[in-house]
Amino acid sequence: MKTKTTKIIFWSGAIFMSLWFGASGFFELTKNPVVWDITRQLGYPPHFIYILGVFKLSGIIVLLIPNRLLRLKEWVFAGMFFDIIFAFFSKIAVLGFPATIDAIIAFTVLSVTYVMFRKIYHPELIFGEA
C-alpha cells in the first residue's frame, strides 16, 4: 500500500476514534445521563467514569499531534483497546450481544488505524518483519 494511502487511512481512523473517544470522554466528565446510566448499569463506580473521561480526552490530544510522542501514542492505542475490550465484555455480560455493536465497530476501526500507524512509523516491525 502506498504511503499516501496509508496516511489517509491512518488519519481518517485517528480522527474517527478521536471523535468517538472525545464525545465519550466529554459525556463522562459532564455526567451525561445516557453515558452515565449505561456505565453505572454495567457496574462501574462514579470515580472510575470520571477517570475514563480524563484519560480519553488526554489520549486523543496525544493521538492527534502529528509525528510526535510516538511511544505515548502506543500507550494511547493500548488504552483504547483495553477500554473497548472491557466495554465489549461488560456489555455482553449485562446487556447482551446486540449492545456490543458499537464496541465491535470501534475495535475494527482502531485495529486498522493501529496497523496503519505501525506501517507509517515502524514499517520494519510490521507483522514480525525485522
N, C-alpha and C. Protein backbone atom coordinates (compact mmCIF):
# COMPACT_ATOMS: atom_id res chain seq x y z
N MET A 1 0.85 -1.17 0.00
CA MET A 1 0.00 0.00 0.00
C MET A 1 0.90 1.24 0.00
N LYS A 2 0.54 2.23 -0.79
CA LYS A 2 1.35 3.43 -0.89
C LYS A 2 1.28 4.23 0.41
N THR A 3 2.35 4.97 0.67
CA THR A 3 2.44 5.74 1.89
C THR A 3 1.32 6.76 2.00
N LYS A 4 0.96 7.42 0.90
CA LYS A 4 -0.11 8.42 0.95
C LYS A 4 -1.43 7.77 1.36
N THR A 5 -1.74 6.63 0.78
CA THR A 5 -2.97 5.91 1.13
C THR A 5 -2.93 5.47 2.59
N THR A 6 -1.79 4.98 3.04
CA THR A 6 -1.63 4.56 4.43
C THR A 6 -1.88 5.73 5.37
N LYS A 7 -1.32 6.89 5.04
CA LYS A 7 -1.52 8.08 5.87
C LYS A 7 -2.97 8.54 5.88
N ILE A 8 -3.63 8.46 4.75
CA ILE A 8 -5.05 8.85 4.68
C ILE A 8 -5.88 7.92 5.55
N ILE A 9 -5.62 6.62 5.46
CA ILE A 9 -6.37 5.65 6.28
C ILE A 9 -6.07 5.89 7.76
N PHE A 10 -4.79 6.10 8.09
CA PHE A 10 -4.42 6.34 9.49
C PHE A 10 -5.13 7.58 10.03
N TRP A 11 -5.02 8.71 9.32
CA TRP A 11 -5.60 9.95 9.84
C TRP A 11 -7.12 9.90 9.85
N SER A 12 -7.72 9.21 8.91
CA SER A 12 -9.18 9.05 8.94
C SER A 12 -9.60 8.27 10.19
N GLY A 13 -8.90 7.18 10.46
CA GLY A 13 -9.18 6.38 11.65
C GLY A 13 -8.88 7.14 12.93
N ALA A 14 -7.77 7.88 12.95
CA ALA A 14 -7.40 8.64 14.15
C ALA A 14 -8.44 9.72 14.44
N ILE A 15 -8.93 10.37 13.41
CA ILE A 15 -9.96 11.41 13.60
C ILE A 15 -11.27 10.76 14.06
N PHE A 16 -11.65 9.64 13.43
CA PHE A 16 -12.88 8.94 13.82
C PHE A 16 -12.80 8.52 15.29
N MET A 17 -11.68 7.90 15.68
CA MET A 17 -11.53 7.43 17.06
C MET A 17 -11.46 8.61 18.03
N SER A 18 -10.86 9.71 17.60
CA SER A 18 -10.80 10.90 18.45
C SER A 18 -12.19 11.48 18.67
N LEU A 19 -13.00 11.49 17.63
CA LEU A 19 -14.38 11.97 17.79
C LEU A 19 -15.15 11.03 18.72
N TRP A 20 -14.98 9.73 18.50
CA TRP A 20 -15.67 8.71 19.30
C TRP A 20 -15.28 8.82 20.78
N PHE A 21 -13.97 8.77 21.04
CA PHE A 21 -13.50 8.83 22.42
C PHE A 21 -13.64 10.23 23.01
N GLY A 22 -13.53 11.25 22.17
CA GLY A 22 -13.72 12.62 22.65
C GLY A 22 -15.13 12.85 23.14
N ALA A 23 -16.11 12.41 22.35
CA ALA A 23 -17.51 12.54 22.76
C ALA A 23 -17.76 11.74 24.03
N SER A 24 -17.26 10.52 24.06
CA SER A 24 -17.43 9.66 25.23
C SER A 24 -16.80 10.29 26.47
N GLY A 25 -15.57 10.77 26.34
CA GLY A 25 -14.88 11.41 27.46
C GLY A 25 -15.60 12.66 27.94
N PHE A 26 -16.06 13.47 27.00
CA PHE A 26 -16.82 14.68 27.35
C PHE A 26 -18.09 14.32 28.10
N PHE A 27 -18.81 13.32 27.59
CA PHE A 27 -20.06 12.91 28.24
C PHE A 27 -19.81 12.32 29.63
N GLU A 28 -18.68 11.64 29.79
CA GLU A 28 -18.34 11.09 31.10
C GLU A 28 -18.04 12.21 32.10
N LEU A 29 -17.32 13.23 31.64
CA LEU A 29 -16.96 14.33 32.53
C LEU A 29 -18.13 15.27 32.83
N THR A 30 -19.09 15.35 31.91
CA THR A 30 -20.24 16.23 32.11
C THR A 30 -21.44 15.48 32.67
N LYS A 31 -21.24 14.23 33.00
CA LYS A 31 -22.26 13.38 33.62
C LYS A 31 -23.51 13.27 32.75
N ASN A 32 -23.31 13.10 31.45
CA ASN A 32 -24.42 12.90 30.52
C ASN A 32 -25.20 11.66 30.94
N PRO A 33 -26.53 11.78 31.11
CA PRO A 33 -27.32 10.67 31.64
C PRO A 33 -27.25 9.39 30.80
N VAL A 34 -27.18 9.52 29.49
CA VAL A 34 -27.15 8.32 28.65
C VAL A 34 -25.89 7.52 28.93
N VAL A 35 -24.75 8.20 28.90
CA VAL A 35 -23.47 7.52 29.13
C VAL A 35 -23.39 7.03 30.58
N TRP A 36 -23.73 7.89 31.51
CA TRP A 36 -23.63 7.52 32.93
C TRP A 36 -24.56 6.38 33.28
N ASP A 37 -25.78 6.41 32.78
CA ASP A 37 -26.74 5.35 33.12
C ASP A 37 -26.26 3.98 32.63
N ILE A 38 -25.76 3.95 31.41
CA ILE A 38 -25.26 2.67 30.87
C ILE A 38 -24.02 2.21 31.63
N THR A 39 -23.09 3.14 31.87
CA THR A 39 -21.85 2.77 32.55
C THR A 39 -22.12 2.31 33.98
N ARG A 40 -23.03 2.98 34.66
CA ARG A 40 -23.41 2.56 36.02
C ARG A 40 -24.12 1.21 35.98
N GLN A 41 -24.96 1.01 34.95
CA GLN A 41 -25.66 -0.27 34.80
C GLN A 41 -24.67 -1.42 34.61
N LEU A 42 -23.56 -1.11 33.97
CA LEU A 42 -22.52 -2.13 33.76
C LEU A 42 -21.73 -2.41 35.04
N GLY A 43 -21.95 -1.59 36.06
CA GLY A 43 -21.32 -1.86 37.35
C GLY A 43 -20.10 -1.01 37.68
N TYR A 44 -19.80 0.00 36.87
CA TYR A 44 -18.62 0.83 37.14
C TYR A 44 -18.96 1.96 38.10
N PRO A 45 -18.08 2.25 39.06
CA PRO A 45 -18.34 3.31 40.05
C PRO A 45 -18.13 4.71 39.46
N PRO A 46 -18.75 5.72 40.05
CA PRO A 46 -18.65 7.09 39.52
C PRO A 46 -17.22 7.61 39.37
N HIS A 47 -16.36 7.35 40.35
CA HIS A 47 -15.00 7.87 40.25
C HIS A 47 -14.27 7.29 39.04
N PHE A 48 -14.57 6.06 38.70
CA PHE A 48 -13.95 5.41 37.54
C PHE A 48 -14.41 6.07 36.23
N ILE A 49 -15.67 6.48 36.19
CA ILE A 49 -16.21 7.12 34.99
C ILE A 49 -15.49 8.45 34.74
N TYR A 50 -15.25 9.21 35.80
CA TYR A 50 -14.51 10.47 35.64
C TYR A 50 -13.09 10.23 35.17
N ILE A 51 -12.44 9.22 35.75
CA ILE A 51 -11.06 8.89 35.34
C ILE A 51 -11.04 8.52 33.86
N LEU A 52 -12.00 7.70 33.42
CA LEU A 52 -12.08 7.36 31.99
C LEU A 52 -12.18 8.61 31.13
N GLY A 53 -13.03 9.54 31.54
CA GLY A 53 -13.20 10.78 30.77
C GLY A 53 -11.91 11.56 30.63
N VAL A 54 -11.19 11.70 31.71
CA VAL A 54 -9.92 12.44 31.70
C VAL A 54 -8.91 11.76 30.78
N PHE A 55 -8.78 10.43 30.92
CA PHE A 55 -7.80 9.71 30.10
C PHE A 55 -8.18 9.69 28.63
N LYS A 56 -9.47 9.60 28.33
CA LYS A 56 -9.90 9.61 26.93
C LYS A 56 -9.57 10.94 26.27
N LEU A 57 -9.88 12.04 26.95
CA LEU A 57 -9.59 13.35 26.36
C LEU A 57 -8.09 13.60 26.26
N SER A 58 -7.32 13.17 27.25
CA SER A 58 -5.86 13.30 27.20
C SER A 58 -5.28 12.47 26.05
N GLY A 59 -5.82 11.27 25.89
CA GLY A 59 -5.34 10.37 24.84
C GLY A 59 -5.57 10.90 23.45
N ILE A 60 -6.73 11.50 23.22
CA ILE A 60 -6.97 12.00 21.85
C ILE A 60 -6.09 13.19 21.53
N ILE A 61 -5.73 13.97 22.54
CA ILE A 61 -4.78 15.08 22.29
C ILE A 61 -3.46 14.50 21.80
N VAL A 62 -2.96 13.48 22.49
CA VAL A 62 -1.70 12.83 22.09
C VAL A 62 -1.84 12.21 20.70
N LEU A 63 -2.94 11.54 20.45
CA LEU A 63 -3.13 10.86 19.17
C LEU A 63 -3.13 11.83 17.99
N LEU A 64 -3.63 13.03 18.19
CA LEU A 64 -3.77 13.99 17.09
C LEU A 64 -2.53 14.86 16.86
N ILE A 65 -1.52 14.75 17.71
CA ILE A 65 -0.29 15.50 17.49
C ILE A 65 0.54 14.75 16.46
N PRO A 66 0.74 15.35 15.27
CA PRO A 66 1.45 14.62 14.21
C PRO A 66 2.95 14.46 14.48
N ASN A 67 3.45 13.28 14.18
CA ASN A 67 4.88 12.96 14.18
C ASN A 67 5.58 13.20 15.51
N ARG A 68 4.87 13.16 16.61
CA ARG A 68 5.45 13.37 17.93
C ARG A 68 4.88 12.34 18.91
N LEU A 69 5.58 12.17 20.00
CA LEU A 69 5.10 11.34 21.12
C LEU A 69 4.70 9.93 20.67
N LEU A 70 5.51 9.34 19.81
CA LEU A 70 5.17 8.04 19.22
C LEU A 70 5.04 6.94 20.28
N ARG A 71 5.92 6.93 21.27
CA ARG A 71 5.83 5.92 22.32
C ARG A 71 4.54 6.12 23.12
N LEU A 72 4.20 7.36 23.41
CA LEU A 72 2.98 7.66 24.14
C LEU A 72 1.74 7.30 23.31
N LYS A 73 1.83 7.48 21.99
CA LYS A 73 0.74 7.08 21.11
C LYS A 73 0.48 5.57 21.22
N GLU A 74 1.55 4.80 21.34
CA GLU A 74 1.40 3.35 21.53
C GLU A 74 0.57 3.08 22.79
N TRP A 75 0.84 3.82 23.85
CA TRP A 75 0.09 3.66 25.10
C TRP A 75 -1.37 4.09 24.91
N VAL A 76 -1.58 5.13 24.13
CA VAL A 76 -2.95 5.57 23.86
C VAL A 76 -3.71 4.47 23.12
N PHE A 77 -3.08 3.89 22.11
CA PHE A 77 -3.73 2.78 21.40
C PHE A 77 -4.04 1.64 22.36
N ALA A 78 -3.10 1.31 23.22
CA ALA A 78 -3.32 0.23 24.19
C ALA A 78 -4.50 0.57 25.11
N GLY A 79 -4.54 1.80 25.59
CA GLY A 79 -5.65 2.22 26.44
C GLY A 79 -6.99 2.12 25.74
N MET A 80 -7.01 2.53 24.47
CA MET A 80 -8.25 2.44 23.69
C MET A 80 -8.67 0.99 23.50
N PHE A 81 -7.70 0.13 23.21
CA PHE A 81 -8.01 -1.29 23.05
C PHE A 81 -8.61 -1.86 24.34
N PHE A 82 -7.97 -1.56 25.48
CA PHE A 82 -8.49 -2.07 26.75
C PHE A 82 -9.89 -1.52 27.04
N ASP A 83 -10.09 -0.25 26.79
CA ASP A 83 -11.40 0.35 27.01
C ASP A 83 -12.47 -0.36 26.18
N ILE A 84 -12.16 -0.60 24.92
CA ILE A 84 -13.12 -1.25 24.03
C ILE A 84 -13.36 -2.70 24.45
N ILE A 85 -12.31 -3.42 24.79
CA ILE A 85 -12.44 -4.82 25.21
C ILE A 85 -13.29 -4.92 26.48
N PHE A 86 -13.00 -4.05 27.47
CA PHE A 86 -13.78 -4.08 28.70
C PHE A 86 -15.24 -3.71 28.44
N ALA A 87 -15.46 -2.72 27.58
CA ALA A 87 -16.84 -2.33 27.24
C ALA A 87 -17.56 -3.50 26.57
N PHE A 88 -16.87 -4.17 25.66
CA PHE A 88 -17.46 -5.30 24.94
C PHE A 88 -17.91 -6.39 25.92
N PHE A 89 -16.98 -6.83 26.78
CA PHE A 89 -17.32 -7.94 27.68
C PHE A 89 -18.30 -7.52 28.78
N SER A 90 -18.22 -6.28 29.22
CA SER A 90 -19.19 -5.80 30.20
C SER A 90 -20.59 -5.78 29.60
N LYS A 91 -20.69 -5.31 28.37
CA LYS A 91 -21.99 -5.24 27.70
C LYS A 91 -22.54 -6.65 27.43
N ILE A 92 -21.68 -7.56 27.01
CA ILE A 92 -22.15 -8.94 26.78
C ILE A 92 -22.71 -9.52 28.07
N ALA A 93 -21.98 -9.32 29.17
CA ALA A 93 -22.38 -9.91 30.45
C ALA A 93 -23.68 -9.31 30.99
N VAL A 94 -23.88 -8.01 30.79
CA VAL A 94 -25.01 -7.33 31.42
C VAL A 94 -26.16 -7.06 30.46
N LEU A 95 -25.83 -6.61 29.24
CA LEU A 95 -26.86 -6.15 28.31
C LEU A 95 -27.13 -7.10 27.15
N GLY A 96 -26.22 -8.04 26.90
CA GLY A 96 -26.39 -8.97 25.79
C GLY A 96 -25.64 -8.52 24.54
N PHE A 97 -25.52 -9.45 23.60
CA PHE A 97 -24.71 -9.22 22.41
C PHE A 97 -25.13 -8.01 21.56
N PRO A 98 -26.42 -7.75 21.34
CA PRO A 98 -26.79 -6.60 20.50
C PRO A 98 -26.21 -5.27 20.99
N ALA A 99 -25.96 -5.14 22.27
CA ALA A 99 -25.42 -3.90 22.83
C ALA A 99 -23.93 -3.71 22.53
N THR A 100 -23.29 -4.71 21.92
CA THR A 100 -21.85 -4.65 21.68
C THR A 100 -21.48 -4.13 20.29
N ILE A 101 -22.46 -3.81 19.47
CA ILE A 101 -22.18 -3.40 18.09
C ILE A 101 -21.22 -2.21 18.06
N ASP A 102 -21.42 -1.22 18.95
CA ASP A 102 -20.53 -0.06 18.96
C ASP A 102 -19.08 -0.47 19.29
N ALA A 103 -18.92 -1.40 20.21
CA ALA A 103 -17.58 -1.86 20.56
C ALA A 103 -16.93 -2.62 19.40
N ILE A 104 -17.70 -3.39 18.68
CA ILE A 104 -17.17 -4.13 17.52
C ILE A 104 -16.71 -3.15 16.44
N ILE A 105 -17.51 -2.13 16.18
CA ILE A 105 -17.14 -1.11 15.18
C ILE A 105 -15.87 -0.39 15.64
N ALA A 106 -15.85 0.04 16.89
CA ALA A 106 -14.68 0.76 17.41
C ALA A 106 -13.43 -0.11 17.36
N PHE A 107 -13.56 -1.38 17.72
CA PHE A 107 -12.41 -2.28 17.70
C PHE A 107 -11.87 -2.45 16.27
N THR A 108 -12.77 -2.57 15.31
CA THR A 108 -12.36 -2.73 13.91
C THR A 108 -11.63 -1.49 13.41
N VAL A 109 -12.21 -0.33 13.64
CA VAL A 109 -11.59 0.93 13.19
C VAL A 109 -10.25 1.12 13.89
N LEU A 110 -10.20 0.89 15.20
CA LEU A 110 -8.96 1.08 15.94
C LEU A 110 -7.87 0.10 15.46
N SER A 111 -8.25 -1.13 15.16
CA SER A 111 -7.27 -2.12 14.68
C SER A 111 -6.65 -1.68 13.36
N VAL A 112 -7.48 -1.24 12.43
CA VAL A 112 -6.98 -0.78 11.13
C VAL A 112 -6.11 0.45 11.31
N THR A 113 -6.55 1.37 12.16
CA THR A 113 -5.79 2.59 12.41
C THR A 113 -4.43 2.27 13.01
N TYR A 114 -4.39 1.33 13.93
CA TYR A 114 -3.12 0.96 14.56
C TYR A 114 -2.17 0.31 13.56
N VAL A 115 -2.67 -0.55 12.71
CA VAL A 115 -1.82 -1.17 11.69
C VAL A 115 -1.24 -0.10 10.76
N MET A 116 -2.04 0.89 10.40
CA MET A 116 -1.54 1.97 9.54
C MET A 116 -0.50 2.81 10.29
N PHE A 117 -0.72 3.04 11.57
CA PHE A 117 0.25 3.76 12.40
C PHE A 117 1.59 3.03 12.38
N ARG A 118 1.54 1.72 12.57
CA ARG A 118 2.78 0.94 12.55
C ARG A 118 3.45 0.97 11.18
N LYS A 119 2.66 0.93 10.12
CA LYS A 119 3.24 0.98 8.77
C LYS A 119 3.94 2.31 8.52
N ILE A 120 3.39 3.38 9.06
CA ILE A 120 3.98 4.71 8.85
C ILE A 120 5.22 4.91 9.71
N TYR A 121 5.13 4.61 11.00
CA TYR A 121 6.18 4.97 11.94
C TYR A 121 7.15 3.84 12.27
N HIS A 122 6.75 2.60 12.06
CA HIS A 122 7.62 1.45 12.35
C HIS A 122 7.45 0.38 11.28
N PRO A 123 7.73 0.72 10.02
CA PRO A 123 7.49 -0.28 8.95
C PRO A 123 8.34 -1.54 9.11
N GLU A 124 9.46 -1.44 9.78
CA GLU A 124 10.33 -2.61 9.95
C GLU A 124 9.75 -3.60 10.95
N LEU A 125 8.76 -3.19 11.74
CA LEU A 125 8.22 -4.06 12.77
C LEU A 125 6.87 -4.67 12.44
N ILE A 126 6.35 -4.35 11.27
CA ILE A 126 5.03 -4.85 10.91
C ILE A 126 5.06 -6.36 10.71
N PHE A 127 4.17 -7.05 11.39
CA PHE A 127 3.95 -8.48 11.23
C PHE A 127 5.24 -9.29 11.33
N GLY A 128 6.09 -8.91 12.29
CA GLY A 128 7.28 -9.69 12.58
C GLY A 128 8.42 -9.51 11.61
N GLU A 129 8.31 -8.54 10.72
CA GLU A 129 9.40 -8.31 9.78
C GLU A 129 10.50 -7.54 10.52
N ALA A 130 11.71 -8.05 10.47
CA ALA A 130 12.82 -7.33 11.10
C ALA A 130 14.13 -7.84 10.53
